[in-house]
Protein backbone atom coordinates (compact mmCIF):
# COMPACT_ATOMS: atom_id res chain seq x y z
CA UNK A 1 17.07 14.17 26.48
CA UNK A 2 16.16 12.96 22.99
CA UNK A 3 16.99 9.22 22.80
CA UNK A 4 17.43 9.51 18.98
CA UNK A 5 15.53 6.29 18.43
CA UNK A 6 13.98 7.35 15.10
CA UNK A 7 15.63 5.35 12.34
CA UNK A 8 13.54 6.55 9.39
CA UNK A 9 10.59 8.91 9.05
CA UNK A 10 8.83 10.70 6.17
CA UNK A 11 11.10 9.20 3.51
CA UNK A 12 9.97 5.59 3.14
CA UNK A 13 6.76 3.59 2.98
CA UNK A 14 6.76 3.33 6.79
CA UNK A 15 8.43 4.98 9.76
CA UNK A 16 10.94 2.98 11.79
CA UNK A 17 11.94 3.41 15.43
CA UNK A 18 14.56 1.34 17.21
CA UNK A 19 13.18 -1.79 18.84
CA UNK A 20 14.55 -4.40 21.22
CA UNK A 21 16.92 -7.25 20.51
CA UNK A 22 14.66 -10.16 19.59
CA UNK A 23 14.90 -13.80 18.57
CA UNK A 24 13.90 -15.02 15.14
CA UNK A 25 12.57 -18.56 14.76
CA UNK A 26 12.64 -19.31 11.05
CA UNK A 27 13.96 -21.82 8.49
CA UNK A 28 17.69 -21.60 7.82
CA UNK A 29 16.93 -21.09 4.12
CA UNK A 30 13.71 -20.08 2.37
CA UNK A 31 14.26 -21.53 -1.10
CA UNK A 32 14.13 -25.19 -0.01
CA UNK A 33 12.91 -27.28 2.93
CA UNK A 34 15.24 -26.70 5.86
CA UNK A 35 15.55 -26.87 9.63
CA UNK A 36 14.30 -24.05 11.82
CA UNK A 37 16.86 -22.17 13.87
CA UNK A 38 16.93 -19.37 16.41
CA UNK A 39 18.86 -16.18 15.67
CA UNK A 40 19.06 -12.89 17.54
CA UNK A 41 18.86 -9.54 15.77
CA UNK A 42 18.44 -5.87 16.58
CA UNK A 43 14.92 -4.90 15.53
CA UNK A 44 13.08 -1.83 14.35
CA UNK A 45 9.36 -1.27 14.87
CA UNK A 46 7.35 -0.04 11.88
CA UNK A 47 4.48 2.42 12.23
CA UNK A 48 2.07 3.36 9.47
CA UNK A 49 -1.35 4.93 8.91
CA UNK A 50 -3.08 6.15 5.77
CA UNK A 51 -6.58 7.07 4.66
CA UNK A 52 -8.74 5.35 2.05
CA UNK A 53 -11.68 7.72 2.09
CA UNK A 54 -13.09 7.91 -1.43
CA UNK A 55 -13.09 4.15 -2.13
CA UNK A 56 -14.79 3.43 1.21
CA UNK A 57 -17.45 6.06 0.50
CA UNK A 58 -18.30 4.56 -2.90
CA UNK A 59 -17.85 0.82 -2.23
CA UNK A 60 -17.31 0.29 1.51
CA UNK A 61 -16.32 -3.38 1.61
CA UNK A 62 -13.61 -3.31 -1.05
CA UNK A 63 -12.71 0.27 -0.20
CA UNK A 64 -11.83 -0.58 3.41
CA UNK A 65 -10.40 -3.98 2.47
CA UNK A 66 -7.96 -2.49 -0.03
CA UNK A 67 -7.21 0.33 2.41
CA UNK A 68 -6.08 -2.22 4.98
CA UNK A 69 -4.33 -4.29 2.32
CA UNK A 70 -2.44 -1.31 0.94
CA UNK A 71 -1.32 -0.27 4.39
CA UNK A 72 -0.04 -3.81 5.01
CA UNK A 73 1.96 -3.63 1.76
CA UNK A 74 3.52 -0.39 2.95
CA UNK A 75 4.78 -2.20 6.02
CA UNK A 76 6.17 -4.93 3.77
CA UNK A 77 8.03 -2.30 1.76
CA UNK A 78 9.95 -0.55 4.52
CA UNK A 79 13.73 -0.44 4.05
CA UNK A 80 14.86 -3.62 2.30
CA UNK A 81 11.66 -5.30 3.45
CA UNK A 82 9.84 -5.57 6.77
CA UNK A 83 7.02 -7.65 8.21
CA UNK A 84 3.48 -6.70 9.37
CA UNK A 85 2.15 -7.69 12.79
CA UNK A 86 -1.22 -6.08 13.58
CA UNK A 87 -3.63 -3.54 12.13
CA UNK A 88 -5.99 -0.78 13.22
CA UNK A 89 -8.97 0.90 11.57
CA UNK A 90 -10.77 4.22 12.10
CA UNK A 91 -14.15 5.09 10.60
CA UNK A 92 -15.78 8.55 10.55
CA UNK A 93 -19.18 9.03 8.92
CA UNK A 94 -22.20 11.27 9.15
CA UNK A 95 -24.88 10.23 11.63
CA UNK A 96 -25.94 6.60 11.30
CA UNK A 97 -29.54 7.33 12.40
CA UNK A 98 -29.71 3.80 13.72
CA UNK A 99 -32.94 2.99 15.50
CA UNK A 100 -32.51 1.72 19.03
CA UNK A 101 -33.29 -1.93 19.69
CA UNK A 102 -34.13 -1.09 23.30
CA UNK A 103 -37.30 1.02 23.60
CA UNK A 104 -36.26 2.09 27.09
CA UNK A 105 -33.22 3.86 25.68
CA UNK A 106 -35.10 5.72 22.98
CA UNK A 107 -33.68 7.07 19.77
CA UNK A 108 -30.80 9.55 19.62
CA UNK A 109 -32.81 12.70 18.98
CA UNK A 110 -29.77 14.82 18.11
CA UNK A 111 -29.22 12.69 15.01
CA UNK A 112 -32.45 14.06 13.58
CA UNK A 113 -31.56 17.70 14.24
CA UNK A 114 -30.07 17.86 10.74
CA UNK A 115 -32.19 16.63 7.85
CA UNK A 116 -30.81 13.46 6.27
CA UNK A 117 -29.47 13.88 2.78
CA UNK A 118 -30.12 11.68 -0.24
CA UNK A 119 -26.98 9.58 -0.20
CA UNK A 120 -25.16 9.22 -3.53
CA UNK A 121 -23.80 5.69 -3.08
CA UNK A 122 -24.18 4.26 0.45
CA UNK A 123 -25.86 5.29 3.69
CA UNK A 124 -23.63 5.92 6.74
CA UNK A 125 -25.00 2.78 8.39
CA UNK A 126 -24.21 0.69 5.30
CA UNK A 127 -20.69 2.13 5.26
CA UNK A 128 -20.01 1.40 8.92
CA UNK A 129 -21.13 -2.21 8.58
CA UNK A 130 -19.62 -3.02 5.18
CA UNK A 131 -16.34 -1.16 5.74
CA UNK A 132 -15.77 -2.87 9.07
CA UNK A 133 -16.46 -6.21 7.42
CA UNK A 134 -14.07 -5.41 4.57
CA UNK A 135 -11.11 -4.37 6.70
CA UNK A 136 -11.52 -7.35 9.02
CA UNK A 137 -12.02 -9.71 6.08
CA UNK A 138 -8.73 -8.73 4.50
CA UNK A 139 -6.83 -9.03 7.76
CA UNK A 140 -8.34 -12.43 8.53
CA UNK A 141 -7.54 -13.84 5.09
CA UNK A 142 -4.06 -12.36 4.98
CA UNK A 143 -3.26 -13.40 8.53
CA UNK A 144 -3.01 -10.07 10.32
CA UNK A 145 -5.36 -9.35 13.25
CA UNK A 146 -7.22 -6.05 13.41
CA UNK A 147 -6.63 -5.27 17.07
CA UNK A 148 -8.15 -1.85 17.72
CA UNK A 149 -9.90 1.11 16.14
CA UNK A 150 -12.52 3.78 16.64
CA UNK A 151 -15.78 5.15 15.22
CA UNK A 152 -16.94 8.76 15.08
CA UNK A 153 -20.21 10.03 13.60
CA UNK A 154 -20.69 13.77 13.21
CA UNK A 155 -23.01 16.35 11.64
CA UNK A 156 -23.61 19.99 12.43
CA UNK A 157 -25.73 22.82 11.08
CA UNK A 158 -24.97 26.48 11.73
CA UNK A 159 -25.63 29.72 9.82
CA UNK A 160 -27.34 27.84 6.99
CA UNK A 161 -24.28 25.65 6.55
CA UNK A 162 -24.34 21.89 7.00
CA UNK A 163 -21.17 19.95 7.68
CA UNK A 164 -20.54 16.28 8.28
CA UNK A 165 -18.52 13.31 7.15
CA UNK A 166 -20.58 12.68 4.00
CA UNK A 167 -17.27 11.78 2.39
CA UNK A 168 -16.17 9.11 4.79
CA UNK A 169 -12.86 9.03 6.65
CA UNK A 170 -11.41 5.51 6.66
CA UNK A 171 -7.94 5.33 8.18
CA UNK A 172 -6.01 2.06 8.11
CA UNK A 173 -2.97 1.73 10.33
CA UNK A 174 -0.71 -0.84 11.83
CA UNK A 175 2.53 -1.90 13.41
CA UNK A 176 5.21 -4.33 12.36
CA UNK A 177 8.90 -4.99 12.64
CA UNK A 178 12.08 -5.40 10.66
CA UNK A 179 15.81 -5.73 11.12
CA UNK A 180 17.87 -2.67 12.03
CA UNK A 181 20.52 -3.49 9.44
CA UNK A 182 17.83 -3.67 6.73
CA UNK A 183 15.93 -0.52 7.70
CA UNK A 184 17.40 1.77 5.02
CA UNK A 185 17.02 1.11 1.31
CA UNK A 186 20.15 0.72 -0.80
CA UNK A 187 20.82 2.59 -4.04
CA UNK A 188 20.11 0.54 -7.18
CA UNK A 189 23.07 0.03 -9.49
CA UNK A 190 23.14 -0.13 -13.27
CA UNK A 191 22.34 -3.69 -14.35
CA UNK A 192 20.19 -4.55 -11.34
CA UNK A 193 16.91 -6.24 -12.19
CA UNK A 194 13.41 -4.82 -11.66
CA UNK A 195 11.01 -7.52 -10.49
CA UNK A 196 7.27 -7.67 -9.74
CA UNK A 197 5.70 -10.11 -7.30
CA UNK A 198 1.93 -10.61 -7.37
CA UNK A 199 -1.02 -10.53 -9.71
CA UNK A 200 -1.80 -9.50 -13.27
CA UNK A 201 -3.03 -6.24 -14.77
CA UNK A 202 -6.74 -5.56 -15.17
CA UNK A 203 -8.90 -2.51 -15.81
CA UNK A 204 -9.18 -1.85 -12.09
CA UNK A 205 -8.42 1.25 -10.04
CA UNK A 206 -7.97 3.54 -13.03
CA UNK A 207 -7.35 7.15 -11.96
CA UNK A 208 -7.94 6.37 -8.30
CA UNK A 209 -5.62 9.07 -6.97
CA UNK A 210 -7.11 11.80 -9.16
CA UNK A 211 -10.73 10.83 -8.49
CA UNK A 212 -10.18 10.57 -4.74
CA UNK A 213 -8.90 14.16 -4.66
CA UNK A 214 -12.21 15.51 -5.99
CA UNK A 215 -15.62 15.81 -4.36
CA UNK A 216 -17.48 12.51 -4.45
CA UNK A 217 -19.91 12.70 -7.35
CA UNK A 218 -17.85 15.25 -9.29
CA UNK A 219 -17.19 12.60 -11.92
CA UNK A 220 -19.70 10.20 -13.44
CA UNK A 221 -20.48 7.00 -11.56
CA UNK A 222 -18.76 4.96 -14.28
CA UNK A 223 -15.46 6.77 -13.75
CA UNK A 224 -15.75 6.68 -9.96
CA UNK A 225 -16.65 3.00 -9.76
CA UNK A 226 -13.83 2.16 -12.19
CA UNK A 227 -11.41 3.84 -9.79
CA UNK A 228 -12.21 1.42 -6.94
CA UNK A 229 -9.74 -1.38 -6.30
CA UNK A 230 -10.62 -5.03 -5.67
CA UNK A 231 -9.05 -6.92 -2.80
CA UNK A 232 -7.16 -10.19 -3.22
CA UNK A 233 -5.63 -11.06 0.17
CA UNK A 234 -4.54 -14.55 -0.88
CA UNK A 235 -2.29 -13.15 -3.63
CA UNK A 236 -0.88 -10.60 -1.21
CA UNK A 237 -0.08 -13.36 1.28
CA UNK A 238 1.87 -15.26 -1.37
CA UNK A 239 3.96 -12.20 -2.25
CA UNK A 240 4.42 -11.38 1.45
CA UNK A 241 5.71 -14.87 2.18
CA UNK A 242 8.30 -14.56 -0.58
CA UNK A 243 9.47 -11.24 0.85
CA UNK A 244 9.53 -12.71 4.34
CA UNK A 245 11.90 -15.42 3.16
CA UNK A 246 14.38 -12.77 2.03
CA UNK A 247 13.98 -10.57 5.13
CA UNK A 248 14.61 -13.53 7.46
CA UNK A 249 17.71 -14.67 5.57
CA UNK A 250 21.25 -13.89 6.72
CA UNK A 251 21.90 -11.79 3.62
CA UNK A 252 18.80 -10.04 2.31
CA UNK A 253 19.40 -9.45 -1.43
CA UNK A 254 16.62 -6.84 -1.83
CA UNK A 255 18.17 -3.52 -2.88
CA UNK A 256 14.91 -1.54 -2.80
CA UNK A 257 11.22 -2.36 -2.55
CA UNK A 258 7.94 -0.48 -3.03
CA UNK A 259 4.29 -1.51 -3.17
CA UNK A 260 1.88 -0.86 -6.02
CA UNK A 261 -0.67 1.74 -4.96
CA UNK A 262 -2.36 4.55 -6.87
CA UNK A 263 -0.77 4.90 -10.30
CA UNK A 264 0.19 1.24 -10.47
CA UNK A 265 3.48 0.45 -12.24
CA UNK A 266 4.01 4.12 -13.09
CA UNK A 267 4.18 5.07 -9.43
CA UNK A 268 5.85 2.00 -7.93
CA UNK A 269 8.53 1.33 -10.53
CA UNK A 270 9.50 4.99 -10.93
CA UNK A 271 10.07 5.21 -7.16
CA UNK A 272 12.32 2.14 -7.33
CA UNK A 273 14.67 3.83 -9.82
CA UNK A 274 14.23 7.41 -8.60
CA UNK A 275 17.97 7.91 -8.12
CA UNK A 276 19.19 6.09 -11.22
CA UNK A 277 16.72 5.50 -14.05
CA UNK A 278 15.11 2.39 -15.45
CA UNK A 279 13.86 0.71 -18.61
CA UNK A 280 10.67 -1.36 -18.34
CA UNK A 281 9.77 -3.88 -21.05
CA UNK A 282 6.06 -3.30 -21.60
CA UNK A 283 5.70 -6.80 -23.06
CA UNK A 284 6.86 -8.43 -19.81
CA UNK A 285 4.21 -6.81 -17.62
CA UNK A 286 1.64 -9.54 -16.83
CA UNK A 287 -1.70 -8.85 -18.51
CA UNK A 288 -4.89 -10.59 -17.41
CA UNK A 289 -7.16 -8.61 -19.76
CA UNK A 290 -5.92 -8.54 -23.38
CA UNK A 291 -8.08 -5.50 -24.19
CA UNK A 292 -5.99 -3.16 -22.00
CA UNK A 293 -4.29 -0.21 -23.66
CA UNK A 294 -0.68 0.67 -22.87
CA UNK A 295 -1.90 3.46 -20.59
CA UNK A 296 -4.15 1.06 -18.70
CA UNK A 297 -1.38 -1.52 -18.33
CA UNK A 298 0.99 1.09 -16.91
CA UNK A 299 -1.45 2.94 -14.66
CA UNK A 300 -4.01 0.44 -13.31
CA UNK A 301 -4.20 -0.22 -9.58
CA UNK A 302 -4.77 -3.95 -9.58
CA UNK A 303 -4.00 -4.97 -6.03
CA UNK A 304 -1.48 -7.15 -4.26
CA UNK A 305 1.68 -6.38 -6.22
CA UNK A 306 5.16 -5.51 -4.98
CA UNK A 307 8.04 -4.06 -6.98
CA UNK A 308 11.65 -4.96 -6.11
CA UNK A 309 15.13 -4.15 -7.30
CA UNK A 310 17.47 -7.10 -6.89
CA UNK A 311 20.91 -8.01 -8.23
CA UNK A 312 21.24 -10.32 -11.21
CA UNK A 313 23.09 -12.92 -9.12
CA UNK A 314 20.16 -13.22 -6.68
CA UNK A 315 17.37 -13.61 -9.24
CA UNK A 316 17.42 -17.41 -9.18
CA UNK A 317 17.16 -17.49 -5.38
CA UNK A 318 14.13 -15.19 -5.43
CA UNK A 319 12.55 -17.29 -8.19
CA UNK A 320 12.91 -20.48 -6.13
CA UNK A 321 11.38 -18.79 -3.07
CA UNK A 322 8.51 -17.33 -5.14
CA UNK A 323 7.82 -20.73 -6.69
CA UNK A 324 7.66 -22.37 -3.24
CA UNK A 325 5.20 -19.71 -2.06
CA UNK A 326 3.19 -19.87 -5.32
CA UNK A 327 3.80 -16.16 -5.81
CA UNK A 328 3.87 -15.08 -9.47
CA UNK A 329 7.19 -13.37 -10.28
CA UNK A 330 8.08 -11.34 -13.33
CA UNK A 331 11.39 -9.80 -14.43
CA UNK A 332 10.15 -6.66 -16.13
CA UNK A 333 13.12 -4.33 -16.53
CA UNK A 334 16.60 -3.13 -15.74
CA UNK A 335 18.17 -0.29 -13.79
CA UNK A 336 19.89 1.91 -16.40
CA UNK A 337 21.69 4.77 -14.71
CA UNK A 338 20.61 7.27 -17.42
CA UNK A 339 18.16 9.12 -15.14
CA UNK A 340 15.26 8.40 -17.46
CA UNK A 341 12.17 6.29 -16.83
CA UNK A 342 10.97 4.47 -19.90
CA UNK A 343 8.31 1.93 -20.83
CA UNK A 344 9.17 0.33 -24.17
CA UNK A 345 7.71 -2.58 -26.10
CA UNK A 346 10.55 -4.78 -27.36
CA UNK A 347 8.25 -6.33 -29.99
CA UNK A 348 7.11 -3.17 -31.78
CA UNK A 349 9.46 -0.50 -30.42
CA UNK A 350 6.70 1.78 -29.11
CA UNK A 351 7.45 3.94 -26.07
CA UNK A 352 4.18 4.95 -24.38
CA UNK A 353 6.27 6.72 -21.72
CA UNK A 354 9.82 8.07 -21.84
CA UNK A 355 10.63 10.89 -19.43
CA UNK A 356 13.56 12.29 -17.50
CA UNK A 357 13.31 11.48 -13.80
CA UNK A 358 13.38 15.19 -12.99
CA UNK A 359 10.00 15.46 -14.75
CA UNK A 360 8.63 13.16 -12.02
CA UNK A 361 10.56 14.14 -8.96
CA UNK A 362 12.54 17.31 -9.66
CA UNK A 363 10.00 19.99 -8.77
CA UNK A 364 8.87 18.88 -5.31
CA UNK A 365 10.27 21.30 -2.71
CA UNK A 366 11.96 19.69 0.26
CA UNK A 367 11.34 20.96 3.76
CA UNK A 368 14.54 21.50 5.71
CA UNK A 369 14.18 21.90 9.47
CA UNK A 370 17.21 22.87 11.53
CA UNK A 371 17.16 22.80 15.30
CA UNK A 372 19.65 23.96 17.90
CA UNK A 373 20.08 23.11 21.53
CA UNK A 374 19.42 25.92 24.01
CA UNK A 375 20.16 26.09 27.70
């Protein structure tokens, strides 16, 4: 019999299944020094995995590091916020053609059955070493252990056709936990505030989603290298600690939360107000590079940023927590309720983006699956 333990699947940044009743050992309040106390709560376990193939193929260290970092942010952004515990990593490349250190073992002759190609960016051996270092580096600096993973190398030639993982598969995954009563996002209300935790905007990760969907090398190296993100685990830890303070509180004020991935503010902030609409003040988005255009400010994939919707009355509490954790915090917009998503500069009145939400989300068909019990 189905235990019906799935709480959320295929509709949030992570999947949740019901977990055990557990004890939380945390400060009574997160916005000031306070005593630790033990509280019981019904938990949910978060499960997540995603690929980061193109970035790892082009620049293995940062590609795998930001793959792991992005997957961690997804587990921070489940429901009204959730917490990461441990990560996994999977690497699939073409043959490494690694020479054996032990002459008695000999070389792996089957790896030479297919002629080695001229690699565009990195050799398979470089990718396996650098990507593994990158994923582990991010986890170590953030404070999440990488506990398991796997490696597969594969090539095959048949009927004048050569196949192999020339475009690498890098899959980052992990587990975490949250509170059952915080596992489902709430609906933003008109007047709620849109907040960003994390770093500034730079010309980093431009067009990453579009470039990663094409064959590696289809675009010029300048475009492809500009699409790679740069990891900053320390900044992510600061933002994660601020979120943790809210998740562990008795009354979590987060209405909705998403992480910044491909598409940057455009993707993250539009998802926050998907049901209502929002107005973003372009001038309040933090800019680290003054030469950025409006398009670059809106769409860059600078790492380690989280977007939140929170009520006006709770802004000061979040600000105090963010200050204690040294996490930059920016109030960048408001929930409007007009079902439009707009970026507008309050200083010059320009609107680099002003669309109805149905232009973003209205055309995606939804799969409806109906089951029935049979004897």
